[in-house]
Amino acid sequence: MKFIFALMLMLTFMISGCAPANISAVMRASDSNSPYMETRCVTADMREKGEMDRAFAQYDGWRLVYLSEYTTGNRFGTVGAACFERPKK
């Protein structure tokens, strides 16, 4: 009986927690070859608007050049990465 319970528990965990990952990325034209540009990247939990606002607010006025999102089908984990650039000051 314990073996069947353990097997059912393991199968339930595998079905709910092991979903395939979905990765999407968008890259825009960048001036990264120019020595007069600076680039910064940041990651944020894409499910939390507050965390995204805090992470991206510091790059207000910068140009977005890269955005990617890594998530699972059940949305258990969703992490985004964004890269910004601007002319050096």
Protein backbone atom coordinates (compact mmCIF):
# COMPACT_ATOMS: atom_id res chain seq x y z
CA MET A 1 0.00 0.00 0.00
CA LYS A 2 2.83 2.40 0.83
CA PHE A 3 4.45 1.62 -2.52
CA ILE A 4 1.28 2.51 -4.44
CA PHE A 5 0.85 5.74 -2.45
CA ALA A 6 4.49 6.72 -3.08
CA LEU A 7 4.13 5.94 -6.78
CA MET A 8 0.95 8.02 -7.06
CA LEU A 9 2.58 10.90 -5.21
CA MET A 10 5.63 10.79 -7.47
CA LEU A 11 3.50 10.68 -10.64
CA THR A 12 1.39 13.61 -9.42
CA PHE A 13 4.52 15.67 -8.75
CA MET A 14 6.01 14.83 -12.13
CA ILE A 15 2.85 15.75 -14.02
CA SER A 16 2.25 19.03 -12.20
CA GLY A 17 5.81 20.24 -11.63
CA CYS A 18 7.65 19.12 -14.74
CA ALA A 19 6.10 21.05 -17.58
CA PRO A 20 8.08 21.82 -20.73
CA ALA A 21 9.63 25.26 -20.92
CA ASN A 22 8.53 27.96 -23.33
CA ILE A 23 11.27 30.40 -24.26
CA SER A 24 10.63 33.48 -26.35
CA ALA A 25 13.05 36.25 -27.20
CA VAL A 26 13.00 39.45 -29.22
CA MET A 27 16.12 41.32 -30.31
CA ARG A 28 16.03 44.79 -31.81
CA ALA A 29 18.74 46.54 -33.77
CA SER A 30 21.48 47.65 -31.42
CA ASP A 31 24.27 50.19 -31.62
CA SER A 32 26.45 47.94 -29.47
CA ASN A 33 29.30 48.21 -31.98
CA SER A 34 29.57 51.89 -31.18
CA PRO A 35 32.08 52.69 -28.41
CA TYR A 36 29.76 55.50 -27.29
CA MET A 37 26.90 53.24 -26.17
CA GLU A 38 26.40 51.55 -22.81
CA THR A 39 24.27 48.44 -22.30
CA ARG A 40 22.68 47.12 -19.11
CA CYS A 41 20.58 44.00 -18.55
CA VAL A 42 18.15 43.13 -15.77
CA THR A 43 16.00 40.12 -14.83
CA ALA A 44 12.58 40.15 -13.21
CA ASP A 45 9.75 37.80 -12.29
CA MET A 46 7.25 38.47 -15.08
CA ARG A 47 4.31 37.43 -12.88
CA GLU A 48 4.90 40.31 -10.43
CA LYS A 49 4.03 43.74 -11.83
CA GLY A 50 5.63 45.49 -8.86
CA GLU A 51 8.94 43.70 -9.36
CA MET A 52 8.89 44.50 -13.08
CA ASP A 53 8.15 48.17 -12.36
CA ARG A 54 11.05 48.40 -9.88
CA ALA A 55 13.48 46.62 -12.20
CA PHE A 56 12.58 48.51 -15.36
CA ALA A 57 12.00 51.98 -13.84
CA GLN A 58 15.73 52.57 -13.47
CA TYR A 59 16.07 52.30 -17.26
CA ASP A 60 13.46 54.93 -18.11
CA GLY A 61 14.77 56.82 -21.14
CA TRP A 62 16.95 53.90 -22.29
CA ARG A 63 16.19 52.00 -25.50
CA LEU A 64 15.01 48.40 -25.12
CA VAL A 65 17.16 46.18 -27.35
CA TYR A 66 16.51 42.65 -26.01
CA LEU A 67 13.64 40.96 -24.20
CA SER A 68 13.26 37.28 -23.39
CA GLU A 69 10.85 35.27 -21.28
CA TYR A 70 11.32 31.80 -19.85
CA THR A 71 8.18 30.13 -18.57
CA THR A 72 6.64 26.72 -18.11
CA GLY A 73 3.27 25.65 -19.42
CA ASN A 74 1.74 25.73 -15.95
CA ARG A 75 3.24 29.22 -15.29
CA PHE A 76 5.02 27.89 -12.20
CA GLY A 77 8.09 29.96 -12.99
CA THR A 78 8.24 32.93 -15.33
CA VAL A 79 11.47 34.91 -15.55
CA GLY A 80 12.20 37.68 -17.98
CA ALA A 81 15.44 39.32 -19.02
CA ALA A 82 15.65 42.73 -20.68
CA CYS A 83 18.63 44.65 -22.02
CA PHE A 84 18.66 48.39 -22.51
CA GLU A 85 21.14 50.76 -24.13
CA ARG A 86 21.79 54.48 -24.31
CA PRO A 87 24.62 56.80 -25.35
CA LYS A 88 27.34 57.10 -22.71
CA LYS A 89 27.20 60.27 -20.68
